[in-house]
N, C-alpha and C. Protein backbone atom coordinates (compact mmCIF):
# COMPACT_ATOMS: atom_id res chain seq x y z
N MET A 1 21.73 6.31 11.21
CA MET A 1 20.87 6.96 12.14
C MET A 1 21.52 8.22 12.71
N LYS A 2 22.82 8.14 12.95
CA LYS A 2 23.52 9.31 13.50
C LYS A 2 23.55 10.45 12.50
N GLU A 3 23.53 10.10 11.20
CA GLU A 3 23.62 11.12 10.17
C GLU A 3 22.29 11.83 9.92
N ASN A 4 21.18 11.18 10.25
CA ASN A 4 19.85 11.75 9.97
C ASN A 4 18.90 11.58 11.15
N PRO A 5 19.24 12.10 12.31
CA PRO A 5 18.38 11.87 13.48
C PRO A 5 16.99 12.47 13.33
N ASN A 6 16.85 13.60 12.67
CA ASN A 6 15.53 14.21 12.50
C ASN A 6 14.64 13.36 11.59
N THR A 7 15.23 12.80 10.56
CA THR A 7 14.47 11.94 9.65
C THR A 7 14.03 10.68 10.38
N ILE A 8 14.92 10.09 11.15
CA ILE A 8 14.59 8.88 11.91
C ILE A 8 13.48 9.18 12.91
N GLN A 9 13.56 10.31 13.59
CA GLN A 9 12.52 10.66 14.56
C GLN A 9 11.19 10.92 13.88
N ALA A 10 11.21 11.61 12.73
CA ALA A 10 9.97 11.88 12.01
C ALA A 10 9.32 10.58 11.53
N LEU A 11 10.11 9.65 11.04
CA LEU A 11 9.59 8.37 10.59
C LEU A 11 9.01 7.59 11.77
N THR A 12 9.71 7.58 12.88
CA THR A 12 9.23 6.91 14.08
C THR A 12 7.91 7.51 14.55
N ASN A 13 7.83 8.83 14.58
CA ASN A 13 6.59 9.50 14.99
C ASN A 13 5.43 9.12 14.05
N ALA A 14 5.71 9.09 12.76
CA ALA A 14 4.66 8.76 11.78
C ALA A 14 4.17 7.33 11.97
N ILE A 15 5.08 6.41 12.22
CA ILE A 15 4.69 5.01 12.43
C ILE A 15 3.84 4.87 13.68
N VAL A 16 4.24 5.54 14.75
CA VAL A 16 3.47 5.48 16.01
C VAL A 16 2.09 6.09 15.81
N ARG A 17 2.00 7.24 15.15
CA ARG A 17 0.70 7.87 14.90
C ARG A 17 -0.19 6.98 14.03
N ALA A 18 0.40 6.39 13.01
CA ALA A 18 -0.37 5.51 12.13
C ALA A 18 -0.86 4.29 12.89
N ASP A 19 -0.02 3.73 13.73
CA ASP A 19 -0.40 2.57 14.53
C ASP A 19 -1.53 2.93 15.49
N MET A 20 -1.45 4.09 16.11
CA MET A 20 -2.51 4.53 17.02
C MET A 20 -3.82 4.72 16.26
N TRP A 21 -3.74 5.33 15.07
CA TRP A 21 -4.94 5.53 14.27
C TRP A 21 -5.54 4.18 13.85
N LEU A 22 -4.67 3.27 13.37
CA LEU A 22 -5.15 1.97 12.92
C LEU A 22 -5.82 1.18 14.04
N SER A 23 -5.34 1.36 15.27
CA SER A 23 -5.92 0.60 16.39
C SER A 23 -7.35 1.04 16.68
N GLN A 24 -7.73 2.23 16.23
CA GLN A 24 -9.07 2.74 16.48
C GLN A 24 -9.92 2.86 15.22
N ALA A 25 -9.33 2.69 14.07
CA ALA A 25 -10.04 2.89 12.80
C ALA A 25 -10.86 1.66 12.42
N SER A 26 -11.97 1.92 11.76
CA SER A 26 -12.77 0.82 11.22
C SER A 26 -12.22 0.43 9.85
N ALA A 27 -12.68 -0.68 9.33
CA ALA A 27 -12.27 -1.10 8.00
C ALA A 27 -12.69 -0.05 6.97
N THR A 28 -13.83 0.58 7.19
CA THR A 28 -14.30 1.63 6.29
C THR A 28 -13.37 2.83 6.33
N ASP A 29 -12.92 3.22 7.53
CA ASP A 29 -11.98 4.33 7.66
C ASP A 29 -10.70 4.05 6.88
N VAL A 30 -10.19 2.83 7.03
CA VAL A 30 -8.94 2.46 6.34
C VAL A 30 -9.16 2.46 4.83
N SER A 31 -10.28 1.92 4.38
CA SER A 31 -10.52 1.86 2.93
C SER A 31 -10.64 3.24 2.31
N LYS A 32 -11.01 4.24 3.10
CA LYS A 32 -11.13 5.60 2.58
C LYS A 32 -9.77 6.26 2.34
N VAL A 33 -8.73 5.81 3.03
CA VAL A 33 -7.43 6.47 2.90
C VAL A 33 -6.40 5.66 2.13
N VAL A 34 -6.67 4.38 1.90
CA VAL A 34 -5.74 3.55 1.15
C VAL A 34 -6.05 3.71 -0.33
N PRO A 35 -5.04 3.99 -1.16
CA PRO A 35 -5.28 4.13 -2.60
C PRO A 35 -5.90 2.85 -3.17
N PRO A 36 -6.85 2.97 -4.07
CA PRO A 36 -7.52 1.79 -4.65
C PRO A 36 -6.56 0.77 -5.23
N ALA A 37 -5.46 1.22 -5.79
CA ALA A 37 -4.51 0.27 -6.39
C ALA A 37 -3.92 -0.67 -5.36
N TYR A 38 -3.71 -0.19 -4.14
CA TYR A 38 -3.17 -1.05 -3.09
C TYR A 38 -4.20 -2.09 -2.68
N LEU A 39 -5.47 -1.69 -2.60
CA LEU A 39 -6.51 -2.65 -2.27
C LEU A 39 -6.64 -3.69 -3.37
N LEU A 40 -6.57 -3.23 -4.63
CA LEU A 40 -6.65 -4.15 -5.76
C LEU A 40 -5.46 -5.11 -5.73
N ALA A 41 -4.29 -4.61 -5.43
CA ALA A 41 -3.09 -5.45 -5.37
C ALA A 41 -3.27 -6.55 -4.32
N ALA A 42 -3.82 -6.19 -3.17
CA ALA A 42 -4.04 -7.18 -2.12
C ALA A 42 -5.04 -8.24 -2.57
N MET A 43 -6.10 -7.81 -3.22
CA MET A 43 -7.11 -8.77 -3.71
C MET A 43 -6.51 -9.70 -4.77
N LEU A 44 -5.71 -9.15 -5.67
CA LEU A 44 -5.10 -9.98 -6.70
C LEU A 44 -4.12 -10.98 -6.11
N ASN A 45 -3.39 -10.58 -5.09
CA ASN A 45 -2.47 -11.52 -4.42
C ASN A 45 -3.24 -12.65 -3.77
N ILE A 46 -4.38 -12.35 -3.16
CA ILE A 46 -5.20 -13.40 -2.55
C ILE A 46 -5.73 -14.35 -3.62
N LEU A 47 -6.22 -13.79 -4.73
CA LEU A 47 -6.72 -14.63 -5.82
C LEU A 47 -5.60 -15.50 -6.40
N ALA A 48 -4.43 -14.92 -6.59
CA ALA A 48 -3.31 -15.66 -7.16
C ALA A 48 -2.87 -16.79 -6.24
N ALA A 49 -2.95 -16.56 -4.94
CA ALA A 49 -2.55 -17.60 -3.98
C ALA A 49 -3.50 -18.79 -4.04
N SER A 50 -4.74 -18.55 -4.41
CA SER A 50 -5.72 -19.64 -4.42
C SER A 50 -5.98 -20.19 -5.83
N ASN A 51 -5.42 -19.57 -6.85
CA ASN A 51 -5.67 -20.02 -8.22
C ASN A 51 -4.37 -19.93 -9.02
N PRO A 52 -3.74 -21.07 -9.30
CA PRO A 52 -2.45 -21.07 -10.01
C PRO A 52 -2.52 -20.48 -11.42
N ALA A 53 -3.72 -20.37 -11.99
CA ALA A 53 -3.85 -19.80 -13.33
C ALA A 53 -3.61 -18.30 -13.32
N ILE A 54 -3.75 -17.67 -12.16
CA ILE A 54 -3.52 -16.22 -12.05
C ILE A 54 -2.06 -16.01 -11.68
N LYS A 55 -1.35 -15.28 -12.51
CA LYS A 55 0.07 -14.99 -12.27
C LYS A 55 0.18 -13.55 -11.77
N ALA A 56 0.13 -13.39 -10.46
CA ALA A 56 0.09 -12.04 -9.87
C ALA A 56 1.29 -11.20 -10.28
N ASP A 57 2.46 -11.82 -10.40
CA ASP A 57 3.65 -11.04 -10.73
C ASP A 57 3.65 -10.58 -12.19
N GLU A 58 2.73 -11.08 -13.01
CA GLU A 58 2.64 -10.65 -14.41
C GLU A 58 1.62 -9.52 -14.60
N ILE A 59 0.84 -9.22 -13.58
CA ILE A 59 -0.18 -8.18 -13.68
C ILE A 59 0.45 -6.83 -13.34
N LYS A 60 0.35 -5.90 -14.23
CA LYS A 60 0.93 -4.58 -14.04
C LYS A 60 -0.18 -3.58 -13.73
N LEU A 61 -0.32 -3.24 -12.47
CA LEU A 61 -1.37 -2.30 -12.09
C LEU A 61 -1.12 -0.91 -12.67
N ASN A 62 0.13 -0.56 -12.90
CA ASN A 62 0.42 0.75 -13.49
C ASN A 62 -0.26 0.89 -14.85
N GLU A 63 -0.44 -0.21 -15.54
CA GLU A 63 -1.08 -0.16 -16.85
C GLU A 63 -2.59 -0.21 -16.74
N LEU A 64 -3.10 -0.69 -15.61
CA LEU A 64 -4.55 -0.82 -15.43
C LEU A 64 -5.19 0.41 -14.80
N LEU A 65 -4.49 1.02 -13.85
CA LEU A 65 -5.07 2.13 -13.10
C LEU A 65 -4.22 3.38 -13.26
N PRO A 66 -4.83 4.50 -13.58
CA PRO A 66 -4.04 5.74 -13.65
C PRO A 66 -3.68 6.21 -12.24
N THR A 67 -2.56 6.88 -12.11
CA THR A 67 -2.21 7.46 -10.83
C THR A 67 -2.98 8.76 -10.66
N THR A 68 -3.23 9.15 -9.40
CA THR A 68 -4.00 10.36 -9.15
C THR A 68 -3.12 11.59 -9.03
N SER A 69 -1.83 11.39 -8.89
CA SER A 69 -0.91 12.52 -8.86
C SER A 69 0.43 12.06 -9.39
N SER A 70 1.27 12.99 -9.73
CA SER A 70 2.58 12.63 -10.26
C SER A 70 3.48 12.04 -9.19
N ARG A 71 3.18 12.29 -7.92
CA ARG A 71 4.02 11.77 -6.83
C ARG A 71 3.60 10.37 -6.40
N ARG A 72 2.35 9.97 -6.64
CA ARG A 72 1.87 8.67 -6.20
C ARG A 72 1.98 7.69 -7.36
N ARG A 73 2.62 6.58 -7.11
CA ARG A 73 2.78 5.55 -8.13
C ARG A 73 2.07 4.30 -7.65
N THR A 74 1.25 3.71 -8.51
CA THR A 74 0.59 2.48 -8.11
C THR A 74 1.58 1.34 -8.18
N PRO A 75 1.53 0.41 -7.23
CA PRO A 75 2.50 -0.66 -7.19
C PRO A 75 2.15 -1.77 -8.19
N ASN A 76 3.16 -2.47 -8.65
CA ASN A 76 2.92 -3.70 -9.38
C ASN A 76 2.79 -4.81 -8.35
N ILE A 77 2.11 -5.86 -8.69
CA ILE A 77 1.84 -6.92 -7.73
C ILE A 77 3.13 -7.52 -7.20
N GLY A 78 4.11 -7.73 -8.04
CA GLY A 78 5.34 -8.41 -7.62
C GLY A 78 6.27 -7.56 -6.76
N GLU A 79 5.93 -6.32 -6.49
CA GLU A 79 6.84 -5.46 -5.73
C GLU A 79 6.71 -5.69 -4.24
């Protein structure tokens, strides 16, 4: 923290702003800004928790969904 105080402060500010926004946002507002792959990952985790035939950690979202930019990477379920 002593080595990167500006980075720590910027991260703290971002978390506080995000928390403030989330406290006032509707589910629709959140769904508009969350990448579809993250929503899909959450749904697959819920399905896997309720159905042992679904192996969430074996599903590779990177292979199912293209990324929208070179900087954004879709997560795999097991991450």
